[in-house]
Amino acid sequence: MSRPNSRFIQKLTKSQVQRLEELRDHGGKKRIRQRAHAILLSFEEMTINELAKVFQCARNTVAGWFDRWEVEGIDGLDDKPRPGAPTKLDDQEQVRAIELLEQSPQSVTAALLALQEETGKTISSDTLKRLARKKDLVWKRMRKSLRSKRDPKKFATST
């Protein structure tokens, strides 16, 4: 069984074309803009292989965009929700975790222990650091200074 030569999006109404052009130009996410553009180019008879080269993705990816378009229409352009575990801490506990981290910024383990005592929930240090980054806190390793161990006289004359 051979693969068909080309596959195009053949039927688009004027309102669909307008909506796709709007999404292509002003869509909220890059992927939505990309997929809307691919649908419009296919409507203008650009092949799947050409689209795969333009968007630098696999041929099957473009075909998947077309399949979702034919089934779901405009709603098929957005990503489907991905599965994942729910957060261990609710919003109030997350705020408290950041407060504890701000109280002792040099000791993540102290903040984790205090959080565990208060909430009874255990999270990893990576989770706490991720929370800190979401709250725009900068996480860097402290650099140890040897200033107290240097000889001021030698230091002043060596420069």
Protein backbone atom coordinates (compact mmCIF):
# COMPACT_ATOMS: atom_id res chain seq x y z
CA MET A 1 0.00 0.00 0.00
CA SER A 2 1.59 3.28 -1.05
CA ARG A 3 1.42 6.56 0.71
CA PRO A 4 -0.78 9.24 -0.91
CA ASN A 5 1.16 11.88 -2.83
CA SER A 6 -0.28 14.87 -1.01
CA ARG A 7 -2.82 15.77 1.57
CA PHE A 8 -4.29 19.22 1.82
CA ILE A 9 -6.83 21.04 3.92
CA GLN A 10 -9.43 21.61 1.23
CA LYS A 11 -12.48 23.19 2.83
CA LEU A 12 -12.18 26.41 4.80
CA THR A 13 -14.88 29.03 5.17
CA LYS A 14 -14.09 32.74 5.06
CA SER A 15 -14.64 33.02 8.79
CA GLN A 16 -12.27 30.10 9.43
CA VAL A 17 -9.61 31.69 7.21
CA GLN A 18 -9.99 35.00 9.07
CA ARG A 19 -9.79 33.29 12.45
CA LEU A 20 -6.72 31.27 11.37
CA GLU A 21 -5.01 34.42 10.09
CA GLU A 22 -5.76 36.13 13.40
CA LEU A 23 -4.34 33.19 15.34
CA ARG A 24 -1.29 33.04 13.03
CA ASP A 25 -0.53 36.71 13.63
CA HIS A 26 -1.66 37.20 17.23
CA GLY A 27 -2.12 33.75 18.79
CA GLY A 28 -1.19 33.51 22.44
CA LYS A 29 1.24 30.62 22.10
CA LYS A 30 3.89 29.87 19.51
CA ARG A 31 2.49 26.41 18.82
CA ILE A 32 -0.98 27.75 18.08
CA ARG A 33 0.49 30.35 15.69
CA GLN A 34 2.56 27.65 14.00
CA ARG A 35 -0.33 25.23 13.55
CA ALA A 36 -2.69 27.93 12.27
CA HIS A 37 -0.05 28.95 9.74
CA ALA A 38 0.38 25.32 8.64
CA ILE A 39 -3.38 24.93 8.09
CA LEU A 40 -3.44 28.10 5.98
CA LEU A 41 -0.44 27.01 3.92
CA SER A 42 -2.00 23.60 3.36
CA PHE A 43 -5.18 25.31 2.18
CA GLU A 44 -2.96 27.04 -0.38
CA GLU A 45 -1.78 23.55 -1.46
CA MET A 46 1.61 23.35 0.24
CA THR A 47 2.45 19.67 0.76
CA ILE A 48 3.05 18.00 4.11
CA ASN A 49 6.70 17.41 3.22
CA GLU A 50 7.19 21.10 2.44
CA LEU A 51 5.45 22.09 5.67
CA ALA A 52 7.62 19.68 7.65
CA LYS A 53 10.71 21.40 6.23
CA VAL A 54 9.36 24.90 6.89
CA PHE A 55 8.40 24.15 10.50
CA GLN A 56 11.38 21.84 11.09
CA CYS A 57 9.34 18.94 12.39
CA ALA A 58 8.44 15.42 11.33
CA ARG A 59 5.97 14.68 8.56
CA ASN A 60 3.81 12.75 11.03
CA THR A 61 3.63 15.80 13.28
CA VAL A 62 2.13 17.91 10.50
CA ALA A 63 -0.26 15.09 9.60
CA GLY A 64 -1.32 14.98 13.26
CA TRP A 65 -2.09 18.71 13.14
CA PHE A 66 -4.31 18.09 10.13
CA ASP A 67 -6.08 15.17 11.84
CA ARG A 68 -6.85 17.29 14.89
CA TRP A 69 -8.01 20.16 12.68
CA GLU A 70 -10.44 17.89 10.81
CA VAL A 71 -11.88 16.50 14.04
CA GLU A 72 -11.80 19.47 16.44
CA GLY A 73 -11.44 22.55 14.21
CA ILE A 74 -9.97 25.67 15.87
CA ASP A 75 -9.96 23.95 19.29
CA GLY A 76 -7.60 21.30 17.90
CA LEU A 77 -4.80 23.84 17.43
CA ASP A 78 -4.07 24.16 21.14
CA ASP A 79 -2.14 21.55 23.14
CA LYS A 80 -4.14 19.05 25.11
CA PRO A 81 -3.64 19.08 28.88
CA ARG A 82 -0.81 16.88 30.02
CA PRO A 83 -1.06 14.55 32.96
CA GLY A 84 0.90 15.19 36.09
CA ALA A 85 0.78 14.74 39.82
CA PRO A 86 -1.07 17.37 41.84
CA THR A 87 1.04 19.70 43.95
CA LYS A 88 1.82 18.52 47.45
CA LEU A 89 1.42 21.98 48.98
CA ASP A 90 -1.62 24.20 48.63
CA ASP A 91 -1.28 27.94 47.98
CA GLN A 92 -1.02 28.93 51.66
CA GLU A 93 1.59 26.26 52.33
CA GLN A 94 3.61 27.40 49.33
CA VAL A 95 3.61 30.97 50.66
CA ARG A 96 4.69 29.69 54.06
CA ALA A 97 7.49 27.63 52.49
CA ILE A 98 8.85 30.77 50.80
CA GLU A 99 8.63 32.68 54.10
CA LEU A 100 10.61 29.95 55.85
CA LEU A 101 13.19 29.98 53.09
CA GLU A 102 13.53 33.77 53.36
CA GLN A 103 14.11 33.43 57.12
CA SER A 104 17.04 31.10 56.56
CA PRO A 105 18.16 31.54 52.93
CA GLN A 106 21.48 29.76 53.46
CA SER A 107 19.91 26.59 54.80
CA VAL A 108 17.34 24.88 52.64
CA THR A 109 17.22 21.92 55.00
CA ALA A 110 16.23 24.17 57.91
CA ALA A 111 13.33 25.54 55.88
CA LEU A 112 12.32 22.02 54.84
CA LEU A 113 12.36 20.76 58.42
CA ALA A 114 10.34 23.73 59.67
CA LEU A 115 7.83 23.21 56.88
CA GLN A 116 7.54 19.52 57.71
CA GLU A 117 6.91 20.32 61.38
CA GLU A 118 4.21 22.87 60.53
CA THR A 119 2.38 21.04 57.76
CA GLY A 120 3.34 17.41 58.22
CA LYS A 121 4.20 17.27 54.50
CA THR A 122 7.61 16.44 53.09
CA ILE A 123 8.92 18.03 49.89
CA SER A 124 12.33 17.80 48.26
CA SER A 125 14.87 20.59 48.19
CA ASP A 126 14.44 20.77 44.41
CA THR A 127 10.72 21.41 44.87
CA LEU A 128 11.45 24.22 47.32
CA LYS A 129 13.98 25.74 44.91
CA ARG A 130 11.41 25.51 42.10
CA LEU A 131 8.89 27.36 44.28
CA ALA A 132 11.51 30.02 45.00
CA ARG A 133 12.18 30.53 41.29
CA LYS A 134 8.43 30.88 40.62
CA LYS A 135 8.37 33.69 43.18
CA ASP A 136 11.32 35.37 41.39
CA LEU A 137 13.83 34.56 44.10
CA VAL A 138 17.35 34.06 42.80
CA TRP A 139 19.03 30.86 43.86
CA LYS A 140 22.80 30.96 43.90
CA ARG A 141 25.50 29.22 45.85
CA MET A 142 27.11 31.46 48.46
CA ARG A 143 30.74 32.18 47.75
CA LYS A 144 32.95 31.80 50.79
CA SER A 145 35.28 34.67 51.48
CA LEU A 146 38.85 34.22 52.67
CA ARG A 147 39.21 37.92 53.48
CA SER A 148 39.61 37.30 57.21
CA LYS A 149 42.57 34.95 56.63
CA ARG A 150 44.65 37.20 54.40
CA ASP A 151 47.46 39.40 55.66
CA PRO A 152 46.47 43.05 55.00
CA LYS A 153 50.08 44.23 54.66
CA LYS A 154 51.02 41.64 52.06
CA PHE A 155 47.75 42.13 50.26
CA ALA A 156 48.25 45.91 50.02
CA THR A 157 51.82 45.62 48.65
CA SER A 158 51.15 42.82 46.17
CA THR A 159 48.98 44.97 43.91
